[in-house]
Amino acid sequence: MVDSWATVGDVFTYAKATVDDDAVLRAQATIDLHAGRVYADAAKVGARDKYWLKLAVAYQAAWQPSQPDLFERQEITKTGGSNSTQGTDTWLTLAPHAAQALRMVSWLGSGSFHVRAPGEPVSLRREVYGDDGGDPGTWRSL
């Protein structure tokens, strides 16, 4: 068994594909590149993120065998034919469902965060949208 976010059993459970440990290891390496995290740092990763990374590796391991030139492809963005297309940055190297799972990982989300204005005191409580039993349009403190 390899050190990975997913196991051979997870690949079968989630993607209904039969792969070996080497295929999971190759998928793990690809997901590590896209996620910016390695399995050695698993203790620093939360349970939800581990779940999404497990799905990403499982889907990637199932998808990669049908991509025989995966590690030999070149970045082609346009051809002379009228039926050419341009995909995303990852469309040639990342399984579609793996990409969806990686979008759910906390550090790869929207990337938006609150930046305090100059002079805004740290003690000032930020307000967030919430529904605390009253009007769902009310704001409540954190």
N, C-alpha and C. Protein backbone atom coordinates (compact mmCIF):
# COMPACT_ATOMS: atom_id res chain seq x y z
N MET A 1 0.84 -1.19 0.00
CA MET A 1 0.00 0.00 0.00
C MET A 1 0.88 1.24 0.00
N VAL A 2 0.55 2.20 -0.85
CA VAL A 2 1.32 3.43 -0.97
C VAL A 2 0.76 4.49 -0.04
N ASP A 3 1.62 5.45 0.31
CA ASP A 3 1.15 6.59 1.10
C ASP A 3 0.44 7.54 0.15
N SER A 4 -0.87 7.60 0.26
CA SER A 4 -1.65 8.39 -0.67
C SER A 4 -2.94 8.84 -0.01
N TRP A 5 -3.55 9.87 -0.58
CA TRP A 5 -4.83 10.33 -0.09
C TRP A 5 -5.90 9.27 -0.32
N ALA A 6 -5.71 8.41 -1.31
CA ALA A 6 -6.69 7.37 -1.64
C ALA A 6 -5.99 6.02 -1.74
N THR A 7 -6.77 4.97 -1.63
CA THR A 7 -6.26 3.61 -1.77
C THR A 7 -6.83 2.99 -3.04
N VAL A 8 -6.33 1.80 -3.37
CA VAL A 8 -6.87 1.04 -4.50
C VAL A 8 -8.36 0.79 -4.27
N GLY A 9 -8.73 0.50 -3.04
CA GLY A 9 -10.14 0.26 -2.70
C GLY A 9 -10.99 1.51 -2.90
N ASP A 10 -10.44 2.69 -2.57
CA ASP A 10 -11.18 3.94 -2.79
C ASP A 10 -11.44 4.17 -4.28
N VAL A 11 -10.46 3.85 -5.11
CA VAL A 11 -10.63 4.01 -6.56
C VAL A 11 -11.78 3.15 -7.04
N PHE A 12 -11.85 1.92 -6.53
CA PHE A 12 -12.94 1.04 -6.93
C PHE A 12 -14.28 1.54 -6.37
N THR A 13 -14.28 1.98 -5.13
CA THR A 13 -15.52 2.45 -4.50
C THR A 13 -16.10 3.66 -5.21
N TYR A 14 -15.27 4.66 -5.48
CA TYR A 14 -15.76 5.93 -6.01
C TYR A 14 -15.82 5.98 -7.54
N ALA A 15 -14.88 5.29 -8.21
CA ALA A 15 -14.81 5.39 -9.67
C ALA A 15 -15.09 4.06 -10.37
N LYS A 16 -15.32 3.01 -9.59
CA LYS A 16 -15.59 1.68 -10.15
C LYS A 16 -14.53 1.24 -11.15
N ALA A 17 -13.28 1.56 -10.83
CA ALA A 17 -12.15 1.15 -11.67
C ALA A 17 -11.19 0.30 -10.86
N THR A 18 -10.62 -0.69 -11.50
CA THR A 18 -9.64 -1.55 -10.85
C THR A 18 -8.25 -1.10 -11.28
N VAL A 19 -7.46 -0.65 -10.31
CA VAL A 19 -6.10 -0.19 -10.56
C VAL A 19 -5.17 -0.83 -9.54
N ASP A 20 -3.86 -0.67 -9.76
CA ASP A 20 -2.90 -1.18 -8.80
C ASP A 20 -2.26 -0.01 -8.02
N ASP A 21 -1.39 -0.33 -7.08
CA ASP A 21 -0.75 0.69 -6.26
C ASP A 21 0.06 1.68 -7.09
N ASP A 22 0.69 1.19 -8.17
CA ASP A 22 1.48 2.08 -9.02
C ASP A 22 0.59 3.14 -9.68
N ALA A 23 -0.60 2.75 -10.10
CA ALA A 23 -1.53 3.72 -10.71
C ALA A 23 -1.97 4.76 -9.69
N VAL A 24 -2.21 4.33 -8.46
CA VAL A 24 -2.58 5.28 -7.40
C VAL A 24 -1.42 6.22 -7.11
N LEU A 25 -0.21 5.70 -7.10
CA LEU A 25 0.97 6.54 -6.86
C LEU A 25 1.14 7.59 -7.95
N ARG A 26 0.94 7.21 -9.21
CA ARG A 26 1.02 8.18 -10.32
C ARG A 26 -0.07 9.24 -10.20
N ALA A 27 -1.27 8.81 -9.85
CA ALA A 27 -2.37 9.76 -9.66
C ALA A 27 -2.08 10.68 -8.48
N GLN A 28 -1.54 10.13 -7.41
CA GLN A 28 -1.19 10.91 -6.23
C GLN A 28 -0.19 12.02 -6.60
N ALA A 29 0.81 11.67 -7.37
CA ALA A 29 1.82 12.67 -7.78
C ALA A 29 1.19 13.78 -8.60
N THR A 30 0.27 13.43 -9.49
CA THR A 30 -0.40 14.44 -10.30
C THR A 30 -1.26 15.35 -9.45
N ILE A 31 -2.01 14.77 -8.52
CA ILE A 31 -2.86 15.58 -7.64
C ILE A 31 -2.00 16.45 -6.73
N ASP A 32 -0.87 15.93 -6.25
CA ASP A 32 0.04 16.75 -5.43
C ASP A 32 0.48 18.00 -6.19
N LEU A 33 0.77 17.85 -7.47
CA LEU A 33 1.18 19.00 -8.29
C LEU A 33 0.08 20.04 -8.38
N HIS A 34 -1.14 19.58 -8.58
CA HIS A 34 -2.26 20.51 -8.73
C HIS A 34 -2.74 21.08 -7.40
N ALA A 35 -2.63 20.30 -6.33
CA ALA A 35 -3.12 20.74 -5.03
C ALA A 35 -2.09 21.57 -4.26
N GLY A 36 -0.83 21.36 -4.55
CA GLY A 36 0.20 22.07 -3.80
C GLY A 36 0.41 21.52 -2.40
N ARG A 37 -0.01 20.31 -2.16
CA ARG A 37 0.17 19.63 -0.88
C ARG A 37 0.70 18.24 -1.15
N VAL A 38 1.46 17.71 -0.21
CA VAL A 38 1.95 16.34 -0.33
C VAL A 38 1.37 15.52 0.82
N TYR A 39 1.29 14.22 0.63
CA TYR A 39 0.70 13.35 1.63
C TYR A 39 1.49 13.39 2.94
N ALA A 40 2.77 13.69 2.88
CA ALA A 40 3.57 13.76 4.10
C ALA A 40 3.05 14.83 5.06
N ASP A 41 2.30 15.80 4.55
CA ASP A 41 1.72 16.86 5.38
C ASP A 41 0.28 16.55 5.78
N ALA A 42 -0.13 15.29 5.70
CA ALA A 42 -1.52 14.92 5.97
C ALA A 42 -1.98 15.32 7.37
N ALA A 43 -1.09 15.34 8.33
CA ALA A 43 -1.47 15.72 9.70
C ALA A 43 -1.91 17.18 9.78
N LYS A 44 -1.49 18.00 8.82
CA LYS A 44 -1.83 19.42 8.81
C LYS A 44 -3.08 19.72 7.99
N VAL A 45 -3.69 18.70 7.40
CA VAL A 45 -4.83 18.87 6.52
C VAL A 45 -6.10 18.42 7.25
N GLY A 46 -7.15 19.22 7.15
CA GLY A 46 -8.41 18.90 7.81
C GLY A 46 -9.14 17.74 7.18
N ALA A 47 -10.14 17.22 7.89
CA ALA A 47 -10.89 16.04 7.44
C ALA A 47 -11.63 16.30 6.13
N ARG A 48 -12.24 17.46 5.97
CA ARG A 48 -12.96 17.75 4.73
C ARG A 48 -12.02 17.81 3.55
N ASP A 49 -10.88 18.46 3.72
CA ASP A 49 -9.90 18.54 2.64
C ASP A 49 -9.34 17.16 2.30
N LYS A 50 -9.14 16.32 3.31
CA LYS A 50 -8.67 14.95 3.06
C LYS A 50 -9.69 14.18 2.22
N TYR A 51 -10.95 14.40 2.50
CA TYR A 51 -12.01 13.73 1.72
C TYR A 51 -11.94 14.16 0.25
N TRP A 52 -11.85 15.47 0.01
CA TRP A 52 -11.80 15.96 -1.38
C TRP A 52 -10.53 15.49 -2.08
N LEU A 53 -9.42 15.43 -1.37
CA LEU A 53 -8.17 14.94 -1.97
C LEU A 53 -8.27 13.45 -2.28
N LYS A 54 -8.96 12.70 -1.40
CA LYS A 54 -9.17 11.27 -1.66
C LYS A 54 -9.98 11.08 -2.94
N LEU A 55 -11.05 11.85 -3.10
CA LEU A 55 -11.83 11.76 -4.33
C LEU A 55 -11.01 12.15 -5.55
N ALA A 56 -10.22 13.20 -5.41
CA ALA A 56 -9.40 13.65 -6.54
C ALA A 56 -8.43 12.57 -6.98
N VAL A 57 -7.76 11.93 -6.03
CA VAL A 57 -6.81 10.87 -6.38
C VAL A 57 -7.55 9.67 -6.96
N ALA A 58 -8.68 9.31 -6.39
CA ALA A 58 -9.44 8.16 -6.90
C ALA A 58 -9.88 8.39 -8.34
N TYR A 59 -10.44 9.56 -8.63
CA TYR A 59 -10.88 9.84 -9.99
C TYR A 59 -9.71 9.95 -10.95
N GLN A 60 -8.61 10.52 -10.48
CA GLN A 60 -7.43 10.65 -11.33
C GLN A 60 -6.85 9.28 -11.66
N ALA A 61 -6.79 8.40 -10.66
CA ALA A 61 -6.26 7.05 -10.87
C ALA A 61 -7.12 6.26 -11.85
N ALA A 62 -8.41 6.48 -11.83
CA ALA A 62 -9.31 5.78 -12.77
C ALA A 62 -9.20 6.35 -14.17
N TRP A 63 -8.93 7.63 -14.30
CA TRP A 63 -8.91 8.32 -15.60
C TRP A 63 -7.58 8.14 -16.34
N GLN A 64 -6.49 8.13 -15.60
CA GLN A 64 -5.16 8.12 -16.23
C GLN A 64 -4.88 6.94 -17.15
N PRO A 65 -5.30 5.72 -16.83
CA PRO A 65 -5.00 4.61 -17.75
C PRO A 65 -5.55 4.80 -19.17
N SER A 66 -6.61 5.56 -19.32
CA SER A 66 -7.16 5.79 -20.66
C SER A 66 -6.49 6.97 -21.35
N GLN A 67 -5.44 7.49 -20.76
CA GLN A 67 -4.67 8.60 -21.34
C GLN A 67 -3.23 8.12 -21.58
N PRO A 68 -3.00 7.30 -22.59
CA PRO A 68 -1.69 6.68 -22.77
C PRO A 68 -0.54 7.67 -22.98
N ASP A 69 -0.84 8.86 -23.49
CA ASP A 69 0.23 9.83 -23.73
C ASP A 69 0.24 10.94 -22.69
N LEU A 70 -0.33 10.67 -21.52
CA LEU A 70 -0.48 11.69 -20.48
C LEU A 70 0.84 12.37 -20.12
N PHE A 71 1.89 11.61 -20.00
CA PHE A 71 3.17 12.17 -19.59
C PHE A 71 4.04 12.60 -20.77
N GLU A 72 3.46 12.58 -21.97
CA GLU A 72 4.21 12.97 -23.16
C GLU A 72 3.53 14.10 -23.93
N ARG A 73 2.39 14.56 -23.51
CA ARG A 73 1.64 15.58 -24.23
C ARG A 73 2.35 16.92 -24.24
N GLN A 74 2.04 17.68 -25.25
CA GLN A 74 2.54 19.04 -25.35
C GLN A 74 1.37 19.99 -25.17
N GLU A 75 1.67 21.21 -24.80
CA GLU A 75 0.63 22.21 -24.62
C GLU A 75 0.19 22.73 -25.98
N ILE A 76 -0.89 22.21 -26.51
CA ILE A 76 -1.43 22.65 -27.79
C ILE A 76 -2.68 23.46 -27.50
N THR A 77 -2.72 24.69 -27.97
CA THR A 77 -3.88 25.53 -27.72
C THR A 77 -4.70 25.77 -28.97
N LYS A 78 -4.12 25.54 -30.15
CA LYS A 78 -4.86 25.79 -31.38
C LYS A 78 -4.25 24.98 -32.52
N THR A 79 -5.11 24.51 -33.41
CA THR A 79 -4.64 23.83 -34.61
C THR A 79 -5.24 24.54 -35.81
N GLY A 80 -4.81 24.15 -36.98
CA GLY A 80 -5.29 24.80 -38.20
C GLY A 80 -6.68 24.37 -38.61
N GLY A 81 -7.18 23.27 -38.04
CA GLY A 81 -8.51 22.79 -38.41
C GLY A 81 -9.63 23.66 -37.87
N SER A 82 -10.77 23.57 -38.52
CA SER A 82 -11.91 24.39 -38.09
C SER A 82 -12.57 23.83 -36.84
N ASN A 83 -12.25 22.60 -36.45
CA ASN A 83 -12.85 21.99 -35.28
C ASN A 83 -11.94 22.03 -34.06
N SER A 84 -10.94 22.87 -34.07
CA SER A 84 -10.01 22.93 -32.94
C SER A 84 -10.69 23.57 -31.75
N THR A 85 -10.16 23.29 -30.59
CA THR A 85 -10.73 23.83 -29.36
C THR A 85 -9.62 24.18 -28.39
N GLN A 86 -9.94 25.03 -27.47
CA GLN A 86 -8.97 25.38 -26.43
C GLN A 86 -9.62 25.07 -25.09
N GLY A 87 -8.95 24.27 -24.29
CA GLY A 87 -9.50 23.88 -23.00
C GLY A 87 -8.90 24.68 -21.86
N THR A 88 -9.16 24.22 -20.66
CA THR A 88 -8.61 24.86 -19.47
C THR A 88 -7.14 24.54 -19.35
N ASP A 89 -6.49 25.12 -18.36
CA ASP A 89 -5.06 24.86 -18.14
C ASP A 89 -4.78 23.40 -17.80
N THR A 90 -5.77 22.71 -17.24
CA THR A 90 -5.53 21.35 -16.75
C THR A 90 -6.22 20.26 -17.57
N TRP A 91 -6.89 20.61 -18.63
CA TRP A 91 -7.73 19.64 -19.33
C TRP A 91 -6.98 18.46 -19.90
N LEU A 92 -5.68 18.60 -20.16
CA LEU A 92 -4.92 17.49 -20.72
C LEU A 92 -4.26 16.62 -19.66
N THR A 93 -4.21 17.09 -18.42
CA THR A 93 -3.49 16.36 -17.38
C THR A 93 -4.32 15.98 -16.17
N LEU A 94 -5.51 16.55 -16.03
CA LEU A 94 -6.31 16.33 -14.83
C LEU A 94 -7.69 15.81 -15.20
N ALA A 95 -8.08 14.73 -14.54
CA ALA A 95 -9.40 14.15 -14.79
C ALA A 95 -10.49 15.15 -14.44
N PRO A 96 -11.58 15.17 -15.21
CA PRO A 96 -12.64 16.15 -14.95
C PRO A 96 -13.19 16.11 -13.52
N HIS A 97 -13.48 14.91 -13.02
CA HIS A 97 -14.01 14.82 -11.65
C HIS A 97 -12.94 15.14 -10.61
N ALA A 98 -11.70 14.85 -10.91
CA ALA A 98 -10.61 15.22 -10.00
C ALA A 98 -10.51 16.74 -9.91
N ALA A 99 -10.67 17.42 -11.03
CA ALA A 99 -10.65 18.88 -11.02
C ALA A 99 -11.79 19.44 -10.18
N GLN A 100 -12.97 18.82 -10.29
CA GLN A 100 -14.11 19.26 -9.47
C GLN A 100 -13.81 19.07 -7.99
N ALA A 101 -13.23 17.95 -7.62
CA ALA A 101 -12.91 17.69 -6.22
C ALA A 101 -11.87 18.69 -5.71
N LEU A 102 -10.87 19.00 -6.54
CA LEU A 102 -9.84 19.95 -6.11
C LEU A 102 -10.40 21.35 -5.91
N ARG A 103 -11.44 21.71 -6.65
CA ARG A 103 -12.06 23.02 -6.44
C ARG A 103 -12.72 23.13 -5.07
N MET A 104 -12.99 22.01 -4.42
CA MET A 104 -13.62 22.00 -3.10
C MET A 104 -12.60 22.10 -1.96
N VAL A 105 -11.33 21.89 -2.26
CA VAL A 105 -10.29 21.95 -1.23
C VAL A 105 -10.16 23.39 -0.75
N SER A 106 -10.08 23.58 0.56
CA SER A 106 -10.18 24.92 1.15
C SER A 106 -9.14 25.90 0.60
N TRP A 107 -7.92 25.49 0.43
CA TRP A 107 -6.89 26.43 -0.01
C TRP A 107 -6.91 26.67 -1.52
N LEU A 108 -7.72 25.93 -2.25
CA LEU A 108 -7.85 26.15 -3.69
C LEU A 108 -9.21 26.73 -4.05
N GLY A 109 -9.95 27.19 -3.07
CA GLY A 109 -11.28 27.74 -3.30
C GLY A 109 -11.23 29.06 -4.04
N SER A 110 -12.12 29.95 -3.68
CA SER A 110 -12.25 31.22 -4.40
C SER A 110 -11.05 32.12 -4.23
N GLY A 111 -10.32 31.97 -3.14
CA GLY A 111 -9.16 32.82 -2.91
C GLY A 111 -9.51 34.16 -2.33
N SER A 112 -10.78 34.41 -2.06
CA SER A 112 -11.17 35.70 -1.49
C SER A 112 -11.02 35.68 0.02
N PHE A 113 -10.59 36.77 0.56
CA PHE A 113 -10.47 36.91 2.00
C PHE A 113 -10.58 38.38 2.36
N HIS A 114 -10.88 38.64 3.62
CA HIS A 114 -11.07 40.01 4.06
C HIS A 114 -9.72 40.65 4.37
N VAL A 115 -9.49 41.80 3.80
CA VAL A 115 -8.30 42.57 4.11
C VAL A 115 -8.77 43.81 4.87
N ARG A 116 -8.21 43.99 6.04
CA ARG A 116 -8.62 45.15 6.84
C ARG A 116 -8.17 46.45 6.19
N ALA A 117 -9.03 47.44 6.29
CA ALA A 117 -8.70 48.76 5.77
C ALA A 117 -7.65 49.41 6.68
N PRO A 118 -6.84 50.31 6.14
CA PRO A 118 -5.87 50.99 6.99
C PRO A 118 -6.58 51.68 8.16
N GLY A 119 -6.08 51.45 9.32
CA GLY A 119 -6.65 52.05 10.51
C GLY A 119 -7.82 51.28 11.10
N GLU A 120 -8.28 50.22 10.44
CA GLU A 120 -9.37 49.42 10.99
C GLU A 120 -8.84 48.62 12.18
N PRO A 121 -9.43 48.80 13.36
CA PRO A 121 -8.89 48.12 14.54
C PRO A 121 -9.09 46.60 14.46
N VAL A 122 -8.12 45.90 14.96
CA VAL A 122 -8.18 44.44 14.96
C VAL A 122 -9.33 43.96 15.83
N SER A 123 -9.67 44.72 16.86
CA SER A 123 -10.74 44.32 17.78
C SER A 123 -12.13 44.49 17.18
N LEU A 124 -12.25 45.20 16.04
CA LEU A 124 -13.55 45.40 15.41
C LEU A 124 -14.09 44.07 14.92
N ARG A 125 -15.30 43.73 15.35
CA ARG A 125 -15.89 42.45 14.97
C ARG A 125 -16.46 42.55 13.57
N ARG A 126 -16.14 41.57 12.75
CA ARG A 126 -16.71 41.52 11.40
C ARG A 126 -18.10 40.92 11.47
N GLU A 127 -18.95 41.33 10.58
CA GLU A 127 -20.31 40.81 10.50
C GLU A 127 -20.39 39.82 9.34
N VAL A 128 -21.12 38.75 9.53
CA VAL A 128 -21.31 37.76 8.47
C VAL A 128 -22.79 37.51 8.28
N TYR A 129 -23.16 37.07 7.10
CA TYR A 129 -24.55 36.76 6.81
C TYR A 129 -24.90 35.45 7.49
N GLY A 130 -26.04 35.40 8.11
CA GLY A 130 -26.44 34.16 8.76
C GLY A 130 -27.92 34.12 9.04
N ASP A 131 -28.42 32.97 9.36
CA ASP A 131 -29.82 32.79 9.73
C ASP A 131 -29.85 32.22 11.12
N ASP A 132 -30.13 33.06 12.09
CA ASP A 132 -30.16 32.57 13.47
C ASP A 132 -31.60 32.49 13.97
N GLY A 133 -32.48 31.96 13.13
CA GLY A 133 -33.84 31.73 13.55
C GLY A 133 -34.79 32.87 13.24
N GLY A 134 -34.26 34.05 13.01
CA GLY A 134 -35.11 35.19 12.70
C GLY A 134 -35.19 35.39 11.21
N ASP A 135 -35.13 36.62 10.82
CA ASP A 135 -35.16 36.99 9.41
C ASP A 135 -33.87 36.50 8.76
N PRO A 136 -33.95 35.66 7.70
CA PRO A 136 -32.73 35.17 7.07
C PRO A 136 -31.90 36.27 6.42
N GLY A 137 -32.44 37.47 6.33
CA GLY A 137 -31.69 38.56 5.74
C GLY A 137 -30.95 39.38 6.77
N THR A 138 -30.94 38.97 8.01
CA THR A 138 -30.25 39.72 9.05
C THR A 138 -28.79 39.34 9.12
N TRP A 139 -27.99 40.22 9.65
CA TRP A 139 -26.57 39.97 9.84
C TRP A 139 -26.31 39.65 11.29
N ARG A 140 -25.34 38.81 11.53
CA ARG A 140 -24.99 38.48 12.92
C ARG A 140 -23.48 38.53 13.07
N SER A 141 -23.02 38.77 14.27
CA SER A 141 -21.58 38.82 14.55
C SER A 141 -21.00 37.42 14.59
N LEU A 142 -19.72 37.34 14.34
CA LEU A 142 -19.03 36.04 14.45
C LEU A 142 -18.92 35.62 15.88
